[in-house]
Amino acid sequence: MKGLSKGFWAVSVVFLGVCFLLGAGPGLTKAVAEDKVYDNKDVGFSVSYPSDWLDDKLLTGEVLRVHKPNEYKIPVLTVSITDMKEGTKLEEAPDAWVASVKAANPGTDRYKVSDKEMFKLADGTPAYAYIVKWNWSDGVTKLFSTVVTSFKGKKSISVTATNVMGGETPADVLMKMCRTLKFH
């Protein structure tokens, strides 16, 4: 029994040493890259996203479009700015978002808004977070979009991250990205 105990401790010490070297050894750990920051000086806000994401061609109303590096260009993060109509309420943001996506992508359908939450950005500005599940125009591809919308002056700013249902980047990770919206 005593021999087994000494052997156990010897193996434990070696195991811990290897774990330490693998975890703390120079060049053996993956470096964590800093996020990129999109800064819109015209309206006065910024949004952060992973540094390895690639720029993509802007669509109407967008000021930023980046995607995870892969052949499908998804998940995708977009920032759009629109002029607000007089008297627009933040609670109306999900309906306005769905209407704009339908108009830009004919044939898309089955929009379902969920997980709505009113919250305040770091600077105290009210914002609205929500998730929209919807079908692409091919009738087969199921998507979800995490969205944060806020108002500044007479502008509505929406940060949207879209992915396929069941994709490797889950909604909570994409929503964190959307919530990096900051006004300055």
Protein backbone atom coordinates (compact mmCIF):
# COMPACT_ATOMS: atom_id res chain seq x y z
CA MET A 1 0.00 0.00 0.00
CA LYS A 2 2.88 2.32 0.87
CA GLY A 3 4.47 1.73 -2.57
CA LEU A 4 1.18 2.52 -4.28
CA SER A 5 0.91 5.76 -2.33
CA LYS A 6 4.43 6.88 -3.33
CA GLY A 7 3.70 5.95 -6.96
CA PHE A 8 0.43 7.91 -6.89
CA TRP A 9 2.17 11.03 -5.58
CA ALA A 10 4.98 10.73 -8.11
CA VAL A 11 2.50 10.44 -10.99
CA SER A 12 0.47 13.34 -9.57
CA VAL A 13 3.51 15.61 -9.36
CA VAL A 14 4.55 14.76 -12.93
CA PHE A 15 0.96 15.28 -14.17
CA LEU A 16 0.68 18.69 -12.47
CA GLY A 17 4.08 19.70 -13.87
CA VAL A 18 3.02 18.79 -17.41
CA CYS A 19 -0.29 20.65 -16.96
CA PHE A 20 1.60 23.71 -15.75
CA LEU A 21 4.01 23.62 -18.67
CA LEU A 22 1.23 23.18 -21.21
CA GLY A 23 -0.86 25.91 -19.67
CA ALA A 24 1.83 28.45 -18.91
CA GLY A 25 4.70 27.60 -21.21
CA PRO A 26 5.74 30.27 -23.71
CA GLY A 27 4.39 29.67 -27.17
CA LEU A 28 2.16 26.82 -26.08
CA THR A 29 -0.96 28.84 -25.40
CA LYS A 30 -3.07 30.49 -28.05
CA ALA A 31 -2.80 34.26 -27.93
CA VAL A 32 -6.07 36.07 -27.38
CA ALA A 33 -6.45 38.74 -30.04
CA GLU A 34 -8.02 42.03 -29.11
CA ASP A 35 -11.35 42.95 -30.64
CA LYS A 36 -11.55 45.45 -33.47
CA VAL A 37 -13.60 48.57 -32.83
CA TYR A 38 -15.79 50.27 -35.40
CA ASP A 39 -16.07 53.96 -34.47
CA ASN A 40 -18.73 56.09 -36.14
CA LYS A 41 -17.70 59.70 -35.56
CA ASP A 42 -20.71 61.16 -37.43
CA VAL A 43 -23.31 59.82 -35.00
CA GLY A 44 -20.88 59.21 -32.13
CA PHE A 45 -20.89 55.51 -31.28
CA SER A 46 -18.70 52.43 -31.41
CA VAL A 47 -19.16 48.65 -31.68
CA SER A 48 -16.59 45.90 -31.02
CA TYR A 49 -16.19 42.62 -32.89
CA PRO A 50 -13.62 39.81 -33.18
CA SER A 51 -10.35 40.90 -34.79
CA ASP A 52 -10.31 37.98 -37.23
CA TRP A 53 -13.70 38.83 -38.78
CA LEU A 54 -13.56 40.11 -42.35
CA ASP A 55 -15.06 43.23 -43.93
CA ASP A 56 -17.86 42.63 -46.41
CA LYS A 57 -19.74 44.70 -48.97
CA LEU A 58 -22.20 47.09 -47.33
CA LEU A 59 -25.90 46.84 -48.10
CA THR A 60 -28.33 49.78 -48.09
CA GLY A 61 -28.38 51.60 -44.74
CA GLU A 62 -25.39 49.72 -43.34
CA VAL A 63 -22.25 51.40 -42.05
CA LEU A 64 -20.54 48.15 -41.01
CA ARG A 65 -20.76 44.57 -42.31
CA VAL A 66 -18.24 41.98 -41.10
CA HIS A 67 -18.37 38.20 -41.01
CA LYS A 68 -16.59 35.26 -39.49
CA PRO A 69 -13.97 34.00 -41.95
CA ASN A 70 -15.62 31.10 -43.79
CA GLU A 71 -17.06 30.39 -47.22
CA TYR A 72 -20.65 31.13 -46.12
CA LYS A 73 -19.85 34.54 -44.60
CA ILE A 74 -21.92 33.74 -41.54
CA PRO A 75 -22.31 34.66 -38.75
CA VAL A 76 -22.42 38.23 -39.92
CA LEU A 77 -22.45 41.42 -37.84
CA THR A 78 -24.04 44.54 -39.30
CA VAL A 79 -24.61 48.05 -38.04
CA SER A 80 -27.29 50.15 -39.69
CA ILE A 81 -28.38 53.73 -39.16
CA THR A 82 -31.82 54.96 -40.17
CA ASP A 83 -33.66 58.24 -39.80
CA MET A 84 -36.41 58.03 -37.19
CA LYS A 85 -39.95 59.15 -37.75
CA GLU A 86 -41.29 61.69 -35.27
CA GLY A 87 -42.72 59.98 -32.18
CA THR A 88 -41.03 56.60 -32.76
CA LYS A 89 -40.75 54.52 -29.59
CA LEU A 90 -37.92 52.12 -28.81
CA GLU A 91 -40.47 49.35 -28.16
CA GLU A 92 -41.39 49.53 -31.87
CA ALA A 93 -37.85 48.58 -32.92
CA PRO A 94 -38.48 44.84 -33.50
CA ASP A 95 -41.41 45.52 -35.85
CA ALA A 96 -39.39 48.12 -37.76
CA TRP A 97 -36.42 45.72 -37.98
CA VAL A 98 -38.59 42.90 -39.37
CA ALA A 99 -40.21 45.27 -41.90
CA SER A 100 -36.82 46.49 -43.15
CA VAL A 101 -35.41 42.95 -43.51
CA LYS A 102 -38.55 41.80 -45.36
CA ALA A 103 -38.29 44.76 -47.73
CA ALA A 104 -34.59 44.12 -48.41
CA ASN A 105 -35.01 40.33 -48.77
CA PRO A 106 -38.24 39.44 -50.60
CA GLY A 107 -39.45 35.90 -49.96
CA THR A 108 -38.17 35.70 -46.39
CA ASP A 109 -40.85 34.70 -43.90
CA ARG A 110 -41.88 33.26 -40.53
CA TYR A 111 -40.44 36.04 -38.42
CA LYS A 112 -40.76 35.40 -34.69
CA VAL A 113 -39.47 37.98 -32.19
CA SER A 114 -38.48 36.72 -28.73
CA ASP A 115 -36.33 37.51 -25.71
CA LYS A 116 -37.18 41.21 -25.74
CA GLU A 117 -35.40 43.26 -23.10
CA MET A 118 -35.19 46.98 -22.43
CA PHE A 119 -31.83 47.87 -20.85
CA LYS A 120 -29.35 50.75 -20.58
CA LEU A 121 -26.06 50.99 -22.41
CA ALA A 122 -22.91 51.74 -20.39
CA ASP A 123 -23.51 55.49 -20.77
CA GLY A 124 -27.12 55.19 -19.56
CA THR A 125 -28.76 55.44 -23.00
CA PRO A 126 -31.89 53.25 -23.27
CA ALA A 127 -31.59 50.33 -25.69
CA TYR A 128 -33.74 47.39 -26.74
CA ALA A 129 -32.35 43.88 -27.21
CA TYR A 130 -34.27 41.12 -29.00
CA ILE A 131 -33.85 37.93 -31.01
CA VAL A 132 -35.62 37.27 -34.30
CA LYS A 133 -35.97 33.78 -35.79
CA TRP A 134 -36.81 33.72 -39.50
CA ASN A 135 -36.56 31.75 -42.76
CA TRP A 136 -34.41 32.74 -45.72
CA SER A 137 -36.09 33.11 -49.12
CA ASP A 138 -35.08 29.56 -50.15
CA GLY A 139 -37.70 28.31 -47.66
CA VAL A 140 -35.21 25.89 -46.13
CA THR A 141 -32.53 27.92 -44.36
CA LYS A 142 -33.54 28.88 -40.83
CA LEU A 143 -31.80 31.92 -39.37
CA PHE A 144 -31.74 33.87 -36.14
CA SER A 145 -30.65 37.44 -35.56
CA THR A 146 -29.69 39.01 -32.26
CA VAL A 147 -30.34 42.74 -32.32
CA VAL A 148 -29.68 45.77 -30.13
CA THR A 149 -31.38 49.01 -31.15
CA SER A 150 -30.91 52.44 -29.61
CA PHE A 151 -31.69 56.02 -30.57
CA LYS A 152 -29.41 59.03 -30.72
CA GLY A 153 -30.85 62.34 -31.82
CA LYS A 154 -33.08 61.57 -34.80
CA LYS A 155 -31.19 58.39 -35.71
CA SER A 156 -31.93 54.75 -34.95
CA ILE A 157 -28.85 52.56 -34.64
CA SER A 158 -29.27 48.77 -34.88
CA VAL A 159 -26.46 46.30 -34.29
CA THR A 160 -27.44 42.90 -35.70
CA ALA A 161 -25.65 39.54 -35.63
CA THR A 162 -27.19 36.82 -37.82
CA ASN A 163 -26.42 33.10 -37.94
CA VAL A 164 -28.01 29.85 -39.10
CA MET A 165 -30.03 27.97 -36.50
CA GLY A 166 -27.75 25.39 -34.91
CA GLY A 167 -24.61 27.21 -36.08
CA GLU A 168 -21.47 26.95 -33.98
CA THR A 169 -21.74 30.53 -32.65
CA PRO A 170 -24.75 30.63 -30.28
CA ALA A 171 -27.17 33.50 -29.74
CA ASP A 172 -25.73 34.53 -26.36
CA VAL A 173 -22.26 35.06 -27.87
CA LEU A 174 -23.69 37.09 -30.75
CA MET A 175 -25.88 39.13 -28.39
CA LYS A 176 -22.77 40.03 -26.35
CA MET A 177 -21.27 41.43 -29.54
CA CYS A 178 -24.40 43.48 -30.23
CA ARG A 179 -24.34 44.81 -26.67
CA THR A 180 -20.91 46.38 -27.21
CA LEU A 181 -22.73 49.40 -28.68
CA LYS A 182 -21.45 52.54 -26.89
CA PHE A 183 -22.27 56.19 -27.47
CA HIS A 184 -19.65 58.91 -26.96
